[in-house]
Amino acid sequence: MRDPFCDIVVCDEIVRQYLPQVRAELVSRLVCRKGISQRTVAKYMGLSPAAVSQYVSRKRGCRFIEMSPDLDDVIEKWAISLISGDGSVTICDICRCVHNNYDQNKSP
């Protein structure tokens, strides 16, 4: 069954506007909290070491997004899955969290 809010236009907007901030948070957690080298994080994420450096220094993904508990949990699970190699987090998980948070903040 299709997700009631799964729409390519909405998902595309979320990926373009929110994914850089989510990546920045993920990179920060891996490098700063978990002590993993930037080079290793780059390999885990399929990014260049320069891109990881820019995320750490907040030259990329520096726009603030409200961090809901659900999104915080998904980012933590993503960090753990990158380290373990199990790949259990999908872009849909992130999209759902951002979409749910947006809907909650939009309600009167």
N, C-alpha and C. Protein backbone atom coordinates (compact mmCIF):
# COMPACT_ATOMS: atom_id res chain seq x y z
N MET A 1 0.84 -1.18 0.00
CA MET A 1 0.00 0.00 0.00
C MET A 1 0.88 1.24 0.00
N ARG A 2 0.50 2.22 -0.73
CA ARG A 2 1.26 3.45 -0.87
C ARG A 2 1.09 4.33 0.37
N ASP A 3 2.19 4.96 0.78
CA ASP A 3 2.16 5.91 1.89
C ASP A 3 1.23 7.07 1.52
N PRO A 4 0.39 7.54 2.44
CA PRO A 4 -0.55 8.61 2.10
C PRO A 4 0.13 9.92 1.72
N PHE A 5 1.32 10.19 2.20
CA PHE A 5 1.98 11.45 1.85
C PHE A 5 3.17 11.26 0.92
N CYS A 6 3.32 10.08 0.35
CA CYS A 6 4.43 9.83 -0.55
C CYS A 6 4.12 10.43 -1.91
N ASP A 7 4.82 11.49 -2.24
CA ASP A 7 4.61 12.21 -3.48
C ASP A 7 5.98 12.65 -3.97
N ILE A 8 6.33 12.34 -5.19
CA ILE A 8 7.66 12.62 -5.71
C ILE A 8 8.00 14.11 -5.62
N VAL A 9 7.04 14.98 -5.79
CA VAL A 9 7.29 16.41 -5.71
C VAL A 9 7.68 16.80 -4.28
N VAL A 10 6.94 16.28 -3.32
CA VAL A 10 7.24 16.57 -1.91
C VAL A 10 8.60 15.97 -1.53
N CYS A 11 8.83 14.74 -1.92
CA CYS A 11 10.10 14.09 -1.60
C CYS A 11 11.27 14.81 -2.25
N ASP A 12 11.10 15.26 -3.48
CA ASP A 12 12.16 16.00 -4.17
C ASP A 12 12.50 17.28 -3.41
N GLU A 13 11.48 17.99 -2.96
CA GLU A 13 11.71 19.23 -2.21
C GLU A 13 12.43 18.94 -0.89
N ILE A 14 12.00 17.89 -0.21
CA ILE A 14 12.63 17.54 1.06
C ILE A 14 14.10 17.17 0.84
N VAL A 15 14.38 16.40 -0.20
CA VAL A 15 15.77 16.03 -0.49
C VAL A 15 16.62 17.26 -0.78
N ARG A 16 16.11 18.16 -1.60
CA ARG A 16 16.89 19.35 -1.96
C ARG A 16 17.06 20.31 -0.79
N GLN A 17 16.00 20.50 0.00
CA GLN A 17 16.05 21.52 1.04
C GLN A 17 16.54 21.00 2.39
N TYR A 18 16.31 19.74 2.71
CA TYR A 18 16.62 19.25 4.04
C TYR A 18 17.76 18.25 4.12
N LEU A 19 17.96 17.48 3.07
CA LEU A 19 18.99 16.45 3.13
C LEU A 19 20.39 17.00 3.43
N PRO A 20 20.79 18.14 2.87
CA PRO A 20 22.12 18.66 3.23
C PRO A 20 22.28 18.92 4.74
N GLN A 21 21.22 19.41 5.39
CA GLN A 21 21.29 19.65 6.83
C GLN A 21 21.33 18.33 7.61
N VAL A 22 20.59 17.35 7.12
CA VAL A 22 20.59 16.04 7.77
C VAL A 22 21.97 15.40 7.62
N ARG A 23 22.55 15.49 6.43
CA ARG A 23 23.91 14.98 6.22
C ARG A 23 24.91 15.68 7.13
N ALA A 24 24.79 17.01 7.24
CA ALA A 24 25.70 17.77 8.10
C ALA A 24 25.60 17.27 9.54
N GLU A 25 24.39 17.04 10.00
CA GLU A 25 24.21 16.53 11.37
C GLU A 25 24.79 15.13 11.50
N LEU A 26 24.57 14.29 10.51
CA LEU A 26 25.12 12.94 10.54
C LEU A 26 26.65 12.96 10.58
N VAL A 27 27.25 13.76 9.70
CA VAL A 27 28.71 13.86 9.66
C VAL A 27 29.24 14.37 11.00
N SER A 28 28.59 15.38 11.54
CA SER A 28 29.01 15.92 12.84
C SER A 28 28.98 14.85 13.93
N ARG A 29 27.93 14.06 13.94
CA ARG A 29 27.83 12.99 14.95
C ARG A 29 28.94 11.96 14.78
N LEU A 30 29.19 11.58 13.54
CA LEU A 30 30.22 10.56 13.30
C LEU A 30 31.61 11.07 13.66
N VAL A 31 31.91 12.31 13.27
CA VAL A 31 33.26 12.85 13.49
C VAL A 31 33.42 13.34 14.92
N CYS A 32 32.50 14.18 15.38
CA CYS A 32 32.67 14.83 16.68
C CYS A 32 32.25 13.96 17.87
N ARG A 33 31.14 13.28 17.76
CA ARG A 33 30.66 12.48 18.89
C ARG A 33 31.26 11.08 18.93
N LYS A 34 31.41 10.47 17.76
CA LYS A 34 31.87 9.08 17.73
C LYS A 34 33.36 8.96 17.44
N GLY A 35 34.02 10.09 17.11
CA GLY A 35 35.46 10.11 16.93
C GLY A 35 35.98 9.39 15.69
N ILE A 36 35.16 9.29 14.67
CA ILE A 36 35.57 8.62 13.43
C ILE A 36 36.25 9.66 12.54
N SER A 37 37.32 9.27 11.89
CA SER A 37 38.07 10.22 11.06
C SER A 37 37.22 10.69 9.88
N GLN A 38 37.51 11.90 9.41
CA GLN A 38 36.78 12.45 8.27
C GLN A 38 36.96 11.57 7.03
N ARG A 39 38.15 11.03 6.86
CA ARG A 39 38.41 10.17 5.70
C ARG A 39 37.53 8.91 5.75
N THR A 40 37.40 8.33 6.93
CA THR A 40 36.57 7.13 7.09
C THR A 40 35.09 7.47 6.87
N VAL A 41 34.66 8.60 7.40
CA VAL A 41 33.27 9.04 7.20
C VAL A 41 33.01 9.24 5.71
N ALA A 42 33.97 9.82 5.01
CA ALA A 42 33.82 10.02 3.56
C ALA A 42 33.62 8.68 2.86
N LYS A 43 34.38 7.67 3.25
CA LYS A 43 34.22 6.34 2.65
C LYS A 43 32.86 5.74 2.99
N TYR A 44 32.44 5.86 4.25
CA TYR A 44 31.14 5.32 4.66
C TYR A 44 30.01 5.92 3.84
N MET A 45 30.10 7.23 3.58
CA MET A 45 29.00 7.96 2.96
C MET A 45 29.13 8.14 1.45
N GLY A 46 30.25 7.71 0.89
CA GLY A 46 30.46 7.88 -0.55
C GLY A 46 30.67 9.33 -0.94
N LEU A 47 31.29 10.09 -0.03
CA LEU A 47 31.57 11.50 -0.26
C LEU A 47 33.07 11.71 -0.37
N SER A 48 33.47 12.86 -0.89
CA SER A 48 34.89 13.19 -0.90
C SER A 48 35.28 13.67 0.50
N PRO A 49 36.56 13.51 0.86
CA PRO A 49 37.00 14.05 2.15
C PRO A 49 36.77 15.56 2.25
N ALA A 50 36.87 16.27 1.12
CA ALA A 50 36.62 17.72 1.13
C ALA A 50 35.16 18.02 1.49
N ALA A 51 34.23 17.22 0.96
CA ALA A 51 32.81 17.42 1.27
C ALA A 51 32.56 17.18 2.76
N VAL A 52 33.17 16.15 3.31
CA VAL A 52 33.01 15.87 4.74
C VAL A 52 33.56 17.04 5.55
N SER A 53 34.71 17.55 5.17
CA SER A 53 35.29 18.70 5.86
C SER A 53 34.35 19.90 5.82
N GLN A 54 33.71 20.11 4.69
CA GLN A 54 32.77 21.23 4.58
C GLN A 54 31.53 21.02 5.45
N TYR A 55 31.08 19.79 5.57
CA TYR A 55 29.96 19.52 6.47
C TYR A 55 30.37 19.77 7.93
N VAL A 56 31.56 19.32 8.31
CA VAL A 56 32.04 19.50 9.69
C VAL A 56 32.18 20.99 10.02
N SER A 57 32.71 21.76 9.08
CA SER A 57 32.90 23.19 9.32
C SER A 57 31.64 24.01 9.05
N ARG A 58 30.55 23.34 8.69
CA ARG A 58 29.25 23.96 8.42
C ARG A 58 29.28 24.91 7.22
N LYS A 59 30.17 24.64 6.27
CA LYS A 59 30.14 25.37 5.00
C LYS A 59 29.10 24.75 4.07
N ARG A 60 28.73 23.52 4.35
CA ARG A 60 27.64 22.83 3.66
C ARG A 60 26.60 22.48 4.71
N GLY A 61 25.36 22.52 4.30
CA GLY A 61 24.29 22.07 5.19
C GLY A 61 24.13 22.91 6.44
N CYS A 62 24.41 24.20 6.34
CA CYS A 62 24.41 25.02 7.55
C CYS A 62 23.06 25.66 7.86
N ARG A 63 22.09 25.52 6.97
CA ARG A 63 20.77 26.07 7.26
C ARG A 63 20.13 25.28 8.39
N PHE A 64 19.53 25.96 9.32
CA PHE A 64 18.95 25.31 10.50
C PHE A 64 17.64 24.61 10.14
N ILE A 65 17.50 23.39 10.62
CA ILE A 65 16.21 22.71 10.55
C ILE A 65 15.83 22.30 11.97
N GLU A 66 14.56 22.30 12.22
CA GLU A 66 14.09 21.89 13.54
C GLU A 66 14.26 20.38 13.66
N MET A 67 14.92 19.97 14.72
CA MET A 67 15.23 18.55 14.92
C MET A 67 14.16 17.91 15.80
N SER A 68 13.25 17.20 15.17
CA SER A 68 12.23 16.48 15.93
C SER A 68 12.88 15.25 16.57
N PRO A 69 12.28 14.73 17.62
CA PRO A 69 12.81 13.50 18.22
C PRO A 69 12.88 12.35 17.22
N ASP A 70 11.90 12.26 16.33
CA ASP A 70 11.90 11.19 15.32
C ASP A 70 13.08 11.35 14.36
N LEU A 71 13.33 12.57 13.89
CA LEU A 71 14.44 12.80 12.98
C LEU A 71 15.77 12.56 13.68
N ASP A 72 15.86 12.99 14.92
CA ASP A 72 17.07 12.74 15.71
C ASP A 72 17.34 11.24 15.81
N ASP A 73 16.29 10.47 16.04
CA ASP A 73 16.40 9.02 16.14
C ASP A 73 16.84 8.40 14.81
N VAL A 74 16.27 8.87 13.70
CA VAL A 74 16.63 8.33 12.38
C VAL A 74 18.09 8.64 12.06
N ILE A 75 18.55 9.86 12.40
CA ILE A 75 19.95 10.21 12.14
C ILE A 75 20.88 9.34 12.98
N GLU A 76 20.51 9.09 14.22
CA GLU A 76 21.33 8.22 15.07
C GLU A 76 21.36 6.79 14.52
N LYS A 77 20.22 6.29 14.06
CA LYS A 77 20.16 4.95 13.46
C LYS A 77 20.99 4.91 12.18
N TRP A 78 20.97 6.00 11.41
CA TRP A 78 21.76 6.08 10.19
C TRP A 78 23.24 6.02 10.52
N ALA A 79 23.65 6.74 11.56
CA ALA A 79 25.05 6.71 11.98
C ALA A 79 25.47 5.29 12.36
N ILE A 80 24.66 4.64 13.14
CA ILE A 80 24.96 3.28 13.59
C ILE A 80 24.98 2.32 12.39
N SER A 81 24.05 2.50 11.45
CA SER A 81 24.01 1.59 10.30
C SER A 81 25.22 1.81 9.38
N LEU A 82 25.71 3.04 9.27
CA LEU A 82 26.92 3.27 8.48
C LEU A 82 28.13 2.59 9.11
N ILE A 83 28.22 2.68 10.42
CA ILE A 83 29.34 2.06 11.13
C ILE A 83 29.28 0.54 11.03
N SER A 84 28.08 -0.01 11.20
CA SER A 84 27.93 -1.46 11.18
C SER A 84 27.84 -2.04 9.77
N GLY A 85 27.49 -1.19 8.81
CA GLY A 85 27.38 -1.64 7.42
C GLY A 85 26.07 -2.32 7.09
N ASP A 86 25.06 -2.17 7.96
CA ASP A 86 23.80 -2.88 7.69
C ASP A 86 22.84 -2.11 6.78
N GLY A 87 23.03 -0.81 6.59
CA GLY A 87 22.20 -0.04 5.66
C GLY A 87 20.72 -0.07 5.94
N SER A 88 20.33 0.05 7.20
CA SER A 88 18.93 -0.11 7.57
C SER A 88 18.10 1.18 7.48
N VAL A 89 18.70 2.31 7.14
CA VAL A 89 17.96 3.57 7.04
C VAL A 89 17.84 3.96 5.57
N THR A 90 16.65 4.41 5.18
CA THR A 90 16.42 4.81 3.79
C THR A 90 16.09 6.29 3.72
N ILE A 91 16.15 6.83 2.54
CA ILE A 91 15.77 8.22 2.33
C ILE A 91 14.30 8.41 2.69
N CYS A 92 13.49 7.38 2.51
CA CYS A 92 12.07 7.46 2.87
C CYS A 92 11.90 7.69 4.37
N ASP A 93 12.76 7.09 5.19
CA ASP A 93 12.69 7.30 6.64
C ASP A 93 12.92 8.78 6.97
N ILE A 94 13.90 9.37 6.32
CA ILE A 94 14.20 10.78 6.55
C ILE A 94 13.05 11.65 6.04
N CYS A 95 12.58 11.34 4.86
CA CYS A 95 11.48 12.10 4.25
C CYS A 95 10.24 12.08 5.15
N ARG A 96 9.89 10.92 5.68
CA ARG A 96 8.73 10.80 6.57
C ARG A 96 8.89 11.69 7.80
N CYS A 97 10.08 11.66 8.41
CA CYS A 97 10.30 12.47 9.61
C CYS A 97 10.17 13.96 9.32
N VAL A 98 10.80 14.40 8.24
CA VAL A 98 10.74 15.81 7.88
C VAL A 98 9.30 16.19 7.53
N HIS A 99 8.63 15.35 6.77
CA HIS A 99 7.25 15.62 6.36
C HIS A 99 6.33 15.67 7.58
N ASN A 100 6.46 14.71 8.50
CA ASN A 100 5.64 14.70 9.71
C ASN A 100 5.89 15.94 10.56
N ASN A 101 7.15 16.33 10.70
CA ASN A 101 7.50 17.51 11.49
C ASN A 101 6.91 18.77 10.84
N TYR A 102 6.99 18.84 9.51
CA TYR A 102 6.43 19.97 8.78
C TYR A 102 4.92 20.06 9.00
N ASP A 103 4.23 18.92 8.90
CA ASP A 103 2.78 18.90 9.10
C ASP A 103 2.40 19.32 10.51
N GLN A 104 3.14 18.88 11.51
CA GLN A 104 2.85 19.23 12.90
C GLN A 104 3.04 20.72 13.15
N ASN A 105 4.09 21.30 12.57
CA ASN A 105 4.36 22.73 12.76
C ASN A 105 3.39 23.60 11.98
N LYS A 106 2.81 23.06 10.92
CA LYS A 106 1.88 23.79 10.06
C LYS A 106 0.48 23.85 10.67
N SER A 107 0.16 22.87 11.51
CA SER A 107 -1.19 22.79 12.10
C SER A 107 -1.41 23.94 13.07
N PRO A 108 -2.67 24.44 13.15
CA PRO A 108 -2.98 25.55 14.08
C PRO A 108 -2.95 25.13 15.53
